[in-house]
Amino acid sequence: MYPSGLKANALLISVSLIALTVMLGVRANTVARVHIEGSKALLERDIPLQQMLFQLDAAFTAKQQAQKKWEITEDVAYGELFAKYGVLEARIIREVTEVWPGFDIIAKEAANGGLTEAHIQRAQEMLISEKAAALRDAREVAAGLLRVMTVALVLSIVITAWLILLLYQGLLHPLRRLRDATARIRDGELACRMKENGVSELKEIAQDFNSMAARLETLDQAKNDFLATISHEIRNPMTALKEGLSLLASEEKKLSAESQKKCLSACLIASKRLEFMINNLLNLSRTESGILERDFSRRNIAAAIQTAIDEIRPIAERKSISVRLLAPELVFMSFHWEGIVQAFVNLLLNAIKYGRESSIVDVMITNEVPSPNVEIEVMNAGADIPHDELPKIFDRFYRGANSLKQQGMGVGLHVVKKVVEAHQGAVSALSGSGHTRIRISLPKTQRLSGAASFVGGGHG
């Protein structure tokens, strides 16, 4: 409960603090008036100037990357990107010069010999130097304010002592309990909870704290489970790869040509599994760091799916599973090539993993002219997924009853979901009568907001 007379005392404290604030404000206005206009102009110029220098650095870096890729691949698209970023770089240089006359020397050097990383760094150093000068002026103003604050210090001490005496039992003591609980959470005691009592505001804080602690405990358990799964899943293909290479390198065991072929095939499959795991983990990392990809272009999605089929074919052949693409030869639409290939690699790996040996996995593409969407279905023959698990198989780290006996990290189908959502599409699953179908609907054209990142998780 609040201490007796808290409202009246709080009012007196508020009036005293307001009076002290007014006094400080009047004095601060007198001391700082001569500096405010210059500081204002500097601030109004500095923020957009920093943004323009950042944009200039980004354009320069992008131009350099495009040039390197063009030199390696001689792809016309990279040449066009190089020219585009060159024009953007020149425009930003003009804008920076207009805002900041001190940049004119660097602009002339860039015009004569081309912009370099040194130019951008020198511009940033010049800007920092100007900021340092402004900071010295601010310190002089602060010295004047310090004298005012010294005068007000005695009043502040009195008011603070009054406040401590008044609020200790009602506020500070519960806050100490919060501090202690926070320290316990920091030290790893995630099961720590606070008592939800006291004034309403503190009770709400305790409730929020307990919710946060419960969430942290859940995430910590998920992290531990995920790391344990990763270590197990990566160890198996690494062991297979190591043993296979050891056999091939052994001088004591002379393998026949057929045995060598089988050994190399096993090594290839193990390396493919490692590659797929790493790709999914990289996509998961991109989402966690907030990186967005914008690389949609109009291409043949049937060719992208065929690329995914070619990547997983050695794994399918190991179970004598045939993968068929039933689609028109050309199905043009706007999509992210690497994202779609990764999504269908994950889908096909799941279809193979949970499919029966010597069965068929069908990938069917339907492209009806009146429809704004391309419909894609991946079907395999194997054990049915329980009906209550179907809505969960696209969740990150989820592994259903059928998957517990199989290797996997619970990452694959969540990648599929995020890639499809990045394309403004929809994905669903049906399972029954010994067949499982994953249906994907993708729009043929993309809005600008559709370019988003994609990440990991799922049934496999």
Protein backbone atom coordinates (compact mmCIF):
# COMPACT_ATOMS: atom_id res chain seq x y z
CA MET A 1 0.00 0.00 0.00
CA TYR A 2 1.00 3.62 -0.45
CA PRO A 3 2.42 5.34 2.65
CA SER A 4 0.04 7.74 4.44
CA GLY A 5 -0.21 11.19 2.77
CA LEU A 6 1.57 10.03 -0.37
CA LYS A 7 -0.66 12.04 -2.72
CA ALA A 8 -0.18 15.33 -0.84
CA ASN A 9 3.54 14.80 -0.45
CA ALA A 10 3.83 13.75 -4.08
CA LEU A 11 2.12 17.02 -5.05
CA LEU A 12 4.60 19.05 -2.98
CA ILE A 13 7.50 17.16 -4.51
CA SER A 14 6.14 17.77 -7.99
CA VAL A 15 5.78 21.52 -7.35
CA SER A 16 9.31 21.71 -5.96
CA LEU A 17 10.74 19.80 -8.91
CA ILE A 18 8.82 21.97 -11.37
CA ALA A 19 10.18 25.14 -9.70
CA LEU A 20 13.72 23.77 -9.84
CA THR A 21 13.26 22.76 -13.46
CA VAL A 22 11.99 26.24 -14.40
CA MET A 23 14.97 27.87 -12.71
CA LEU A 24 17.40 25.59 -14.52
CA GLY A 25 15.59 26.10 -17.80
CA VAL A 26 15.72 29.91 -17.61
CA ARG A 27 19.38 29.91 -16.77
CA ALA A 28 20.21 27.31 -19.40
CA ASN A 29 18.40 29.39 -22.03
CA THR A 30 20.49 32.43 -21.13
CA VAL A 31 23.80 30.55 -21.25
CA ALA A 32 23.12 28.55 -24.41
CA ARG A 33 21.31 31.15 -26.56
CA VAL A 34 24.48 32.28 -28.35
CA HIS A 35 25.26 28.68 -29.34
CA ILE A 36 21.88 27.33 -30.28
CA GLU A 37 21.63 28.64 -33.83
CA GLY A 38 25.00 27.24 -34.86
CA SER A 39 24.29 23.90 -33.22
CA LYS A 40 20.87 23.74 -34.84
CA ALA A 41 22.31 24.36 -38.29
CA LEU A 42 25.00 21.74 -37.70
CA LEU A 43 22.48 19.15 -36.55
CA GLU A 44 20.11 19.88 -39.45
CA ARG A 45 22.99 19.33 -41.83
CA ASP A 46 24.74 16.50 -40.03
CA ILE A 47 21.97 13.88 -39.99
CA PRO A 48 21.14 13.95 -43.74
CA LEU A 49 24.86 14.28 -44.49
CA GLN A 50 25.62 11.08 -42.54
CA GLN A 51 22.82 9.33 -44.40
CA MET A 52 24.20 10.50 -47.76
CA LEU A 53 27.73 9.35 -46.86
CA PHE A 54 26.30 5.99 -45.83
CA GLN A 55 24.41 5.78 -49.14
CA LEU A 56 27.58 6.78 -51.00
CA ASP A 57 29.56 4.04 -49.26
CA ALA A 58 26.82 1.51 -50.04
CA ALA A 59 26.69 2.58 -53.72
CA PHE A 60 30.49 2.43 -53.99
CA THR A 61 30.61 -1.05 -52.43
CA ALA A 62 27.77 -2.29 -54.65
CA LYS A 63 29.51 -0.90 -57.73
CA GLN A 64 32.77 -2.63 -56.79
CA GLN A 65 30.96 -5.95 -56.25
CA ALA A 66 29.12 -5.62 -59.56
CA GLN A 67 32.41 -4.87 -61.33
CA LYS A 68 34.11 -7.92 -59.82
CA LYS A 69 31.21 -10.19 -60.76
CA TRP A 70 31.12 -8.74 -64.28
CA GLU A 71 34.88 -9.33 -64.67
CA ILE A 72 34.44 -12.94 -63.53
CA THR A 73 31.22 -13.83 -65.36
CA GLU A 74 31.05 -11.18 -68.14
CA ASP A 75 27.31 -11.19 -67.48
CA VAL A 76 25.62 -8.16 -69.08
CA ALA A 77 23.35 -7.83 -66.04
CA TYR A 78 26.35 -7.12 -63.80
CA GLY A 79 27.63 -4.59 -66.33
CA GLU A 80 24.30 -2.82 -66.18
CA LEU A 81 24.40 -2.91 -62.37
CA PHE A 82 27.91 -1.41 -62.46
CA ALA A 83 26.72 1.46 -64.65
CA LYS A 84 23.60 1.98 -62.52
CA TYR A 85 25.57 2.25 -59.30
CA GLY A 86 28.07 4.54 -61.01
CA VAL A 87 25.27 6.98 -61.89
CA LEU A 88 23.89 6.72 -58.34
CA GLU A 89 27.36 7.37 -56.92
CA ALA A 90 27.79 10.52 -59.05
CA ARG A 91 24.36 11.83 -58.00
CA ILE A 92 25.08 11.32 -54.31
CA ILE A 93 28.44 13.10 -54.68
CA ARG A 94 26.65 16.13 -56.18
CA GLU A 95 24.08 16.13 -53.36
CA VAL A 96 26.78 15.89 -50.68
CA THR A 97 28.70 18.78 -52.27
CA GLU A 98 25.58 20.95 -52.28
CA VAL A 99 24.94 20.32 -48.59
CA TRP A 100 28.59 20.34 -47.48
CA PRO A 101 30.99 22.70 -49.33
CA GLY A 102 33.95 21.11 -47.54
CA PHE A 103 33.36 17.98 -49.63
CA ASP A 104 34.16 19.84 -52.87
CA ILE A 105 37.87 18.90 -52.79
CA ILE A 106 37.07 15.22 -52.45
CA ALA A 107 34.43 15.49 -55.19
CA LYS A 108 36.98 16.97 -57.61
CA GLU A 109 39.49 14.23 -56.81
CA ALA A 110 36.80 11.61 -57.37
CA ALA A 111 35.86 13.22 -60.69
CA ASN A 112 39.47 13.10 -61.87
CA GLY A 113 40.60 9.71 -60.61
CA GLY A 114 37.45 7.93 -59.49
CA LEU A 115 35.98 7.54 -56.03
CA THR A 116 37.91 5.31 -53.62
CA GLU A 117 37.37 3.94 -50.14
CA ALA A 118 40.00 6.45 -48.95
CA HIS A 119 37.85 9.34 -50.18
CA ILE A 120 34.84 8.14 -48.23
CA GLN A 121 36.94 7.55 -45.12
CA ARG A 122 38.48 11.05 -45.40
CA ALA A 123 35.01 12.57 -45.70
CA GLN A 124 33.90 10.74 -42.59
CA GLU A 125 37.01 11.93 -40.73
CA MET A 126 36.32 15.53 -41.79
CA LEU A 127 32.77 15.22 -40.56
CA ILE A 128 33.98 13.78 -37.26
CA SER A 129 36.40 16.71 -36.92
CA GLU A 130 33.56 19.18 -37.35
CA LYS A 131 31.54 17.29 -34.77
CA ALA A 132 34.48 17.48 -32.36
CA ALA A 133 34.55 21.26 -32.74
CA ALA A 134 30.83 21.42 -32.04
CA LEU A 135 31.40 19.19 -29.03
CA ARG A 136 33.95 21.63 -27.62
CA ASP A 137 31.38 24.40 -27.90
CA ALA A 138 28.85 22.19 -26.16
CA ARG A 139 31.32 21.58 -23.35
CA GLU A 140 31.63 25.31 -22.80
CA VAL A 141 27.86 25.54 -22.55
CA ALA A 142 27.86 22.58 -20.16
CA ALA A 143 30.39 24.38 -17.95
CA GLY A 144 27.94 27.25 -17.59
CA LEU A 145 25.13 24.90 -16.81
CA LEU A 146 27.30 23.14 -14.24
CA ARG A 147 27.52 26.33 -12.21
CA VAL A 148 23.74 26.56 -12.23
CA MET A 149 23.40 22.93 -11.28
CA THR A 150 25.79 23.43 -8.35
CA VAL A 151 23.48 26.06 -6.95
CA ALA A 152 20.50 23.74 -7.40
CA LEU A 153 22.31 20.76 -5.91
CA VAL A 154 21.41 21.57 -2.32
CA LEU A 155 17.73 21.80 -3.21
CA SER A 156 17.97 18.55 -5.13
CA ILE A 157 19.52 16.77 -2.13
CA VAL A 158 16.73 17.93 0.14
CA ILE A 159 14.03 16.90 -2.31
CA THR A 160 15.71 13.55 -3.00
CA ALA A 161 16.00 12.76 0.72
CA TRP A 162 12.36 13.59 1.12
CA LEU A 163 11.45 11.37 -1.81
CA ILE A 164 13.50 8.43 -0.51
CA LEU A 165 11.92 8.65 2.93
CA LEU A 166 8.44 8.87 1.43
CA LEU A 167 8.64 6.15 -1.20
CA TYR A 168 11.00 3.55 0.28
CA GLN A 169 8.36 1.21 1.61
CA GLY A 170 5.95 1.76 -1.27
CA LEU A 171 8.33 1.65 -4.26
CA LEU A 172 12.03 1.17 -3.60
CA HIS A 173 11.76 -1.99 -1.55
CA PRO A 174 9.73 -3.80 -4.25
CA LEU A 175 12.16 -2.51 -6.87
CA ARG A 176 15.01 -4.07 -4.93
CA ARG A 177 13.21 -7.38 -5.11
CA LEU A 178 12.91 -6.86 -8.85
CA ARG A 179 16.64 -6.12 -9.05
CA ASP A 180 17.47 -9.29 -7.12
CA ALA A 181 15.19 -11.36 -9.34
CA THR A 182 16.78 -9.83 -12.44
CA ALA A 183 20.24 -10.73 -11.13
CA ARG A 184 19.12 -14.31 -10.61
CA ILE A 185 17.82 -14.45 -14.18
CA ARG A 186 21.13 -13.00 -15.36
CA ASP A 187 23.00 -15.72 -13.50
CA GLY A 188 20.99 -18.39 -15.30
CA GLU A 189 18.29 -19.14 -12.72
CA LEU A 190 15.51 -18.93 -15.31
CA ALA A 191 12.95 -20.57 -13.00
CA CYS A 192 12.98 -17.46 -10.78
CA ARG A 193 9.60 -15.71 -10.39
CA MET A 194 8.41 -12.60 -8.52
CA LYS A 195 5.46 -12.31 -6.16
CA GLU A 196 2.68 -10.42 -7.91
CA ASN A 197 1.66 -8.05 -5.14
CA GLY A 198 2.00 -4.39 -4.15
CA VAL A 199 0.71 -1.31 -5.97
CA SER A 200 -0.91 -1.88 -9.35
CA GLU A 201 2.05 -0.61 -11.37
CA LEU A 202 4.50 -2.86 -9.54
CA LYS A 203 2.10 -5.77 -9.79
CA GLU A 204 2.00 -5.29 -13.58
CA ILE A 205 5.81 -5.14 -13.67
CA ALA A 206 5.96 -8.40 -11.70
CA GLN A 207 3.52 -10.03 -14.12
CA ASP A 208 5.54 -8.84 -17.12
CA PHE A 209 8.74 -10.04 -15.46
CA ASN A 210 7.29 -13.49 -14.81
CA SER A 211 6.07 -13.71 -18.42
CA MET A 212 9.53 -12.71 -19.65
CA ALA A 213 11.20 -15.27 -17.40
CA ALA A 214 8.87 -18.02 -18.60
CA ARG A 215 9.58 -17.08 -22.21
CA LEU A 216 13.34 -17.08 -21.57
CA GLU A 217 13.10 -20.49 -19.93
CA THR A 218 11.20 -21.85 -22.93
CA LEU A 219 13.68 -20.33 -25.41
CA ASP A 220 16.64 -21.65 -23.43
CA GLN A 221 15.19 -25.17 -23.50
CA ALA A 222 14.50 -24.83 -27.24
CA LYS A 223 18.07 -23.64 -27.78
CA ASN A 224 19.49 -26.58 -25.85
CA ASP A 225 17.31 -29.04 -27.75
CA PHE A 226 18.27 -27.43 -31.06
CA LEU A 227 22.01 -27.52 -30.32
CA ALA A 228 21.78 -31.13 -29.21
CA THR A 229 19.94 -32.01 -32.42
CA ILE A 230 22.44 -30.12 -34.58
CA SER A 231 25.43 -31.83 -32.97
CA HIS A 232 23.79 -35.22 -33.55
CA GLU A 233 22.67 -34.52 -37.12
CA ILE A 234 26.00 -33.10 -38.26
CA ARG A 235 28.00 -35.87 -36.60
CA ASN A 236 26.37 -38.63 -38.67
CA PRO A 237 27.23 -37.33 -42.19
CA MET A 238 30.63 -36.17 -40.96
CA THR A 239 31.36 -39.66 -39.68
CA ALA A 240 30.21 -41.23 -42.95
CA LEU A 241 32.33 -38.78 -44.93
CA LYS A 242 35.37 -39.37 -42.75
CA GLU A 243 35.10 -43.16 -42.89
CA GLY A 244 34.53 -43.16 -46.65
CA LEU A 245 37.52 -40.92 -47.32
CA SER A 246 39.67 -43.00 -44.97
CA LEU A 247 38.81 -46.14 -46.93
CA LEU A 248 39.64 -44.45 -50.22
CA ALA A 249 42.94 -43.13 -48.87
CA SER A 250 43.96 -46.38 -47.22
CA GLU A 251 46.95 -48.09 -48.78
CA GLU A 252 46.36 -51.31 -46.86
CA LYS A 253 42.81 -51.91 -48.07
CA LYS A 254 42.77 -52.04 -51.85
CA LEU A 255 39.19 -51.44 -52.91
CA SER A 256 37.82 -52.71 -56.18
CA ALA A 257 36.55 -50.21 -58.73
CA GLU A 258 32.94 -51.04 -57.78
CA SER A 259 33.68 -50.58 -54.07
CA GLN A 260 35.40 -47.29 -54.76
CA LYS A 261 32.35 -46.14 -56.71
CA LYS A 262 30.02 -47.07 -53.86
CA CYS A 263 32.32 -45.37 -51.35
CA LEU A 264 32.42 -42.16 -53.41
CA SER A 265 28.64 -42.25 -53.75
CA ALA A 266 28.26 -42.51 -49.98
CA CYS A 267 30.67 -39.61 -49.50
CA LEU A 268 28.71 -37.53 -52.01
CA ILE A 269 25.43 -38.20 -50.22
CA ALA A 270 26.99 -37.31 -46.85
CA SER A 271 28.40 -34.06 -48.25
CA LYS A 272 25.01 -33.23 -49.78
CA ARG A 273 23.33 -33.72 -46.40
CA LEU A 274 25.84 -31.39 -44.80
CA GLU A 275 25.28 -28.83 -47.54
CA PHE A 276 21.51 -28.90 -47.07
CA MET A 277 21.86 -28.55 -43.27
CA ILE A 278 24.23 -25.59 -43.58
CA ASN A 279 22.01 -23.85 -46.15
CA ASN A 280 19.00 -24.14 -43.85
CA LEU A 281 20.98 -22.86 -40.86
CA LEU A 282 22.21 -19.91 -42.91
CA ASN A 283 18.66 -19.05 -43.88
CA LEU A 284 17.65 -19.29 -40.22
CA SER A 285 20.48 -16.92 -39.32
CA ARG A 286 19.38 -14.43 -41.97
CA THR A 287 15.93 -14.15 -40.45
CA GLU A 288 17.19 -13.87 -36.89
CA SER A 289 19.48 -11.00 -37.94
CA GLY A 290 16.72 -9.28 -39.89
CA ILE A 291 18.39 -9.41 -43.29
CA LEU A 292 16.00 -8.94 -46.20
CA GLU A 293 16.68 -10.19 -49.73
CA ARG A 294 15.41 -8.32 -52.83
CA ASP A 295 16.25 -10.31 -55.91
CA PHE A 296 12.99 -11.23 -57.61
CA SER A 297 13.07 -11.65 -61.39
CA ARG A 298 10.86 -13.17 -64.07
CA ARG A 299 12.19 -16.66 -64.81
CA ASN A 300 11.09 -20.20 -65.55
CA ILE A 301 10.07 -21.76 -62.23
CA ALA A 302 9.99 -25.23 -63.82
CA ALA A 303 13.75 -24.89 -64.38
CA ALA A 304 14.28 -23.90 -60.73
CA ILE A 305 12.37 -26.97 -59.52
CA GLN A 306 14.32 -29.16 -61.93
CA THR A 307 17.53 -27.77 -60.39
CA ALA A 308 16.28 -28.84 -56.95
CA ILE A 309 15.45 -32.31 -58.32
CA ASP A 310 18.93 -32.66 -59.79
CA GLU A 311 20.49 -31.72 -56.42
CA ILE A 312 18.67 -34.39 -54.44
CA ARG A 313 18.71 -37.13 -57.10
CA PRO A 314 21.69 -39.06 -55.56
CA ILE A 315 19.80 -39.29 -52.26
CA ALA A 316 16.61 -40.43 -54.02
CA GLU A 317 18.50 -43.10 -55.96
CA ARG A 318 19.83 -44.53 -52.70
CA LYS A 319 16.23 -45.50 -51.80
CA SER A 320 15.39 -46.37 -55.42
CA ILE A 321 12.88 -43.49 -55.46
CA SER A 322 12.05 -41.83 -58.77
CA VAL A 323 11.38 -38.08 -58.79
CA ARG A 324 9.20 -36.87 -61.68
CA LEU A 325 8.48 -33.31 -62.73
CA LEU A 326 5.07 -33.11 -64.41
CA ALA A 327 4.86 -29.58 -65.77
CA PRO A 328 4.78 -27.45 -68.90
CA GLU A 329 8.25 -26.83 -70.27
CA LEU A 330 8.04 -23.09 -69.62
CA VAL A 331 6.27 -21.55 -66.63
CA PHE A 332 7.42 -17.95 -66.33
CA MET A 333 6.72 -15.94 -63.18
CA SER A 334 8.44 -13.51 -60.80
CA PHE A 335 10.35 -15.28 -57.98
CA HIS A 336 13.58 -15.51 -56.02
CA TRP A 337 15.64 -18.26 -57.67
CA GLU A 338 17.77 -19.40 -54.72
CA GLY A 339 14.82 -19.25 -52.33
CA ILE A 340 12.59 -21.42 -54.53
CA VAL A 341 15.39 -23.94 -55.18
CA GLN A 342 16.09 -24.21 -51.43
CA ALA A 343 12.38 -24.61 -50.63
CA PHE A 344 11.90 -27.45 -53.12
CA VAL A 345 15.15 -29.13 -52.06
CA ASN A 346 13.68 -29.25 -48.53
CA LEU A 347 10.30 -30.50 -49.78
CA LEU A 348 11.86 -33.23 -51.89
CA LEU A 349 14.22 -34.32 -49.10
CA ASN A 350 11.21 -34.72 -46.82
CA ALA A 351 9.29 -36.60 -49.50
CA ILE A 352 12.24 -38.98 -49.97
CA LYS A 353 12.98 -39.35 -46.26
CA TYR A 354 9.40 -40.36 -45.39
CA GLY A 355 8.61 -42.09 -48.69
CA ARG A 356 8.58 -45.83 -49.28
CA GLU A 357 11.51 -47.42 -51.05
CA SER A 358 11.09 -47.89 -54.83
CA SER A 359 8.19 -45.40 -54.82
CA ILE A 360 7.63 -42.27 -56.91
CA VAL A 361 7.69 -38.63 -55.85
CA ASP A 362 5.69 -36.42 -58.21
CA VAL A 363 6.08 -32.66 -58.58
CA MET A 364 3.14 -31.24 -60.52
CA ILE A 365 2.90 -27.64 -61.78
CA THR A 366 -0.44 -26.23 -62.95
CA ASN A 367 -0.42 -22.93 -64.82
CA GLU A 368 -3.96 -22.01 -65.84
CA VAL A 369 -4.10 -18.90 -68.04
CA PRO A 370 -7.02 -17.15 -66.26
CA SER A 371 -5.57 -17.81 -62.80
CA PRO A 372 -3.23 -15.22 -61.22
CA ASN A 373 -1.39 -18.03 -59.40
CA VAL A 374 0.82 -20.97 -60.27
CA GLU A 375 -0.20 -24.11 -58.36
CA ILE A 376 2.50 -26.63 -57.39
CA GLU A 377 2.01 -29.97 -55.63
CA VAL A 378 4.63 -32.38 -54.26
CA MET A 379 3.27 -35.87 -53.54
CA ASN A 380 4.96 -38.92 -52.09
CA ALA A 381 3.85 -42.40 -51.05
CA GLY A 382 4.51 -43.25 -47.42
CA ALA A 383 3.14 -43.19 -43.89
CA ASP A 384 0.32 -40.73 -43.31
CA ILE A 385 0.92 -37.66 -41.14
CA PRO A 386 -1.55 -37.62 -38.21
CA HIS A 387 -4.34 -35.13 -38.82
CA ASP A 388 -3.62 -33.14 -35.64
CA GLU A 389 0.02 -32.64 -36.70
CA LEU A 390 -0.70 -31.17 -40.15
CA PRO A 391 -1.14 -27.55 -38.92
CA LYS A 392 2.17 -27.78 -37.00
CA ILE A 393 4.58 -29.28 -39.54
CA PHE A 394 5.58 -25.86 -40.88
CA ASP A 395 6.46 -24.54 -37.40
CA ARG A 396 10.11 -23.89 -36.63
CA PHE A 397 11.85 -26.84 -34.89
CA TYR A 398 8.65 -28.93 -34.91
CA ARG A 399 9.14 -32.67 -35.43
CA GLY A 400 6.12 -34.93 -35.64
CA ALA A 401 5.66 -38.50 -34.48
CA ASN A 402 6.83 -39.92 -37.82
CA SER A 403 9.98 -37.80 -37.80
CA LEU A 404 11.27 -38.86 -34.39
CA LYS A 405 12.77 -42.02 -35.91
CA GLN A 406 14.38 -40.03 -38.73
CA GLN A 407 17.34 -37.69 -38.81
CA GLY A 408 16.55 -33.98 -39.04
CA MET A 409 16.62 -30.66 -37.24
CA GLY A 410 13.00 -29.53 -37.65
CA VAL A 411 14.17 -26.71 -39.95
CA GLY A 412 13.26 -27.71 -43.49
CA LEU A 413 9.51 -27.11 -43.80
CA HIS A 414 9.69 -23.79 -41.95
CA VAL A 415 12.09 -22.65 -44.68
CA VAL A 416 9.46 -23.66 -47.22
CA LYS A 417 6.77 -21.69 -45.41
CA LYS A 418 8.89 -18.53 -45.14
CA VAL A 419 9.98 -18.66 -48.78
CA VAL A 420 6.37 -19.07 -49.92
CA GLU A 421 5.23 -16.22 -47.65
CA ALA A 422 8.03 -14.05 -49.03
CA HIS A 423 6.44 -14.63 -52.45
CA GLN A 424 2.97 -13.68 -51.10
CA GLY A 425 1.89 -17.29 -51.57
CA ALA A 426 0.31 -19.99 -49.45
CA VAL A 427 1.35 -23.53 -48.50
CA SER A 428 -0.75 -26.36 -47.05
CA ALA A 429 -0.51 -30.08 -46.43
CA LEU A 430 -2.88 -33.03 -46.92
CA SER A 431 -2.21 -36.62 -45.87
CA GLY A 432 -4.23 -39.79 -46.17
CA SER A 433 -4.53 -43.17 -47.90
CA GLY A 434 -0.76 -43.62 -47.93
CA HIS A 435 -0.02 -40.35 -49.74
CA THR A 436 1.08 -36.92 -48.49
CA ARG A 437 0.61 -33.80 -50.61
CA ILE A 438 2.23 -30.40 -50.06
CA ARG A 439 0.39 -27.76 -52.08
CA ILE A 440 1.92 -24.38 -52.86
CA SER A 441 0.18 -21.46 -54.54
CA LEU A 442 2.44 -18.66 -55.84
CA PRO A 443 1.32 -15.43 -57.54
CA LYS A 444 2.73 -14.97 -61.04
CA THR A 445 3.64 -11.34 -60.32
CA GLN A 446 5.05 -9.83 -57.13
CA ARG A 447 4.28 -6.58 -55.36
CA LEU A 448 7.28 -4.66 -54.02
CA SER A 449 6.34 -5.57 -50.46
CA GLY A 450 6.66 -9.23 -51.36
CA ALA A 451 10.47 -9.23 -51.35
CA ALA A 452 11.25 -10.52 -47.90
CA SER A 453 13.66 -12.81 -46.14
CA PHE A 454 13.23 -16.54 -45.67
CA VAL A 455 14.33 -18.83 -42.90
CA GLY A 456 14.33 -22.25 -41.35
CA GLY A 457 12.21 -24.84 -39.43
CA GLY A 458 9.73 -27.65 -40.05
CA HIS A 459 8.83 -31.30 -40.14
CA GLY A 460 12.21 -32.52 -41.35
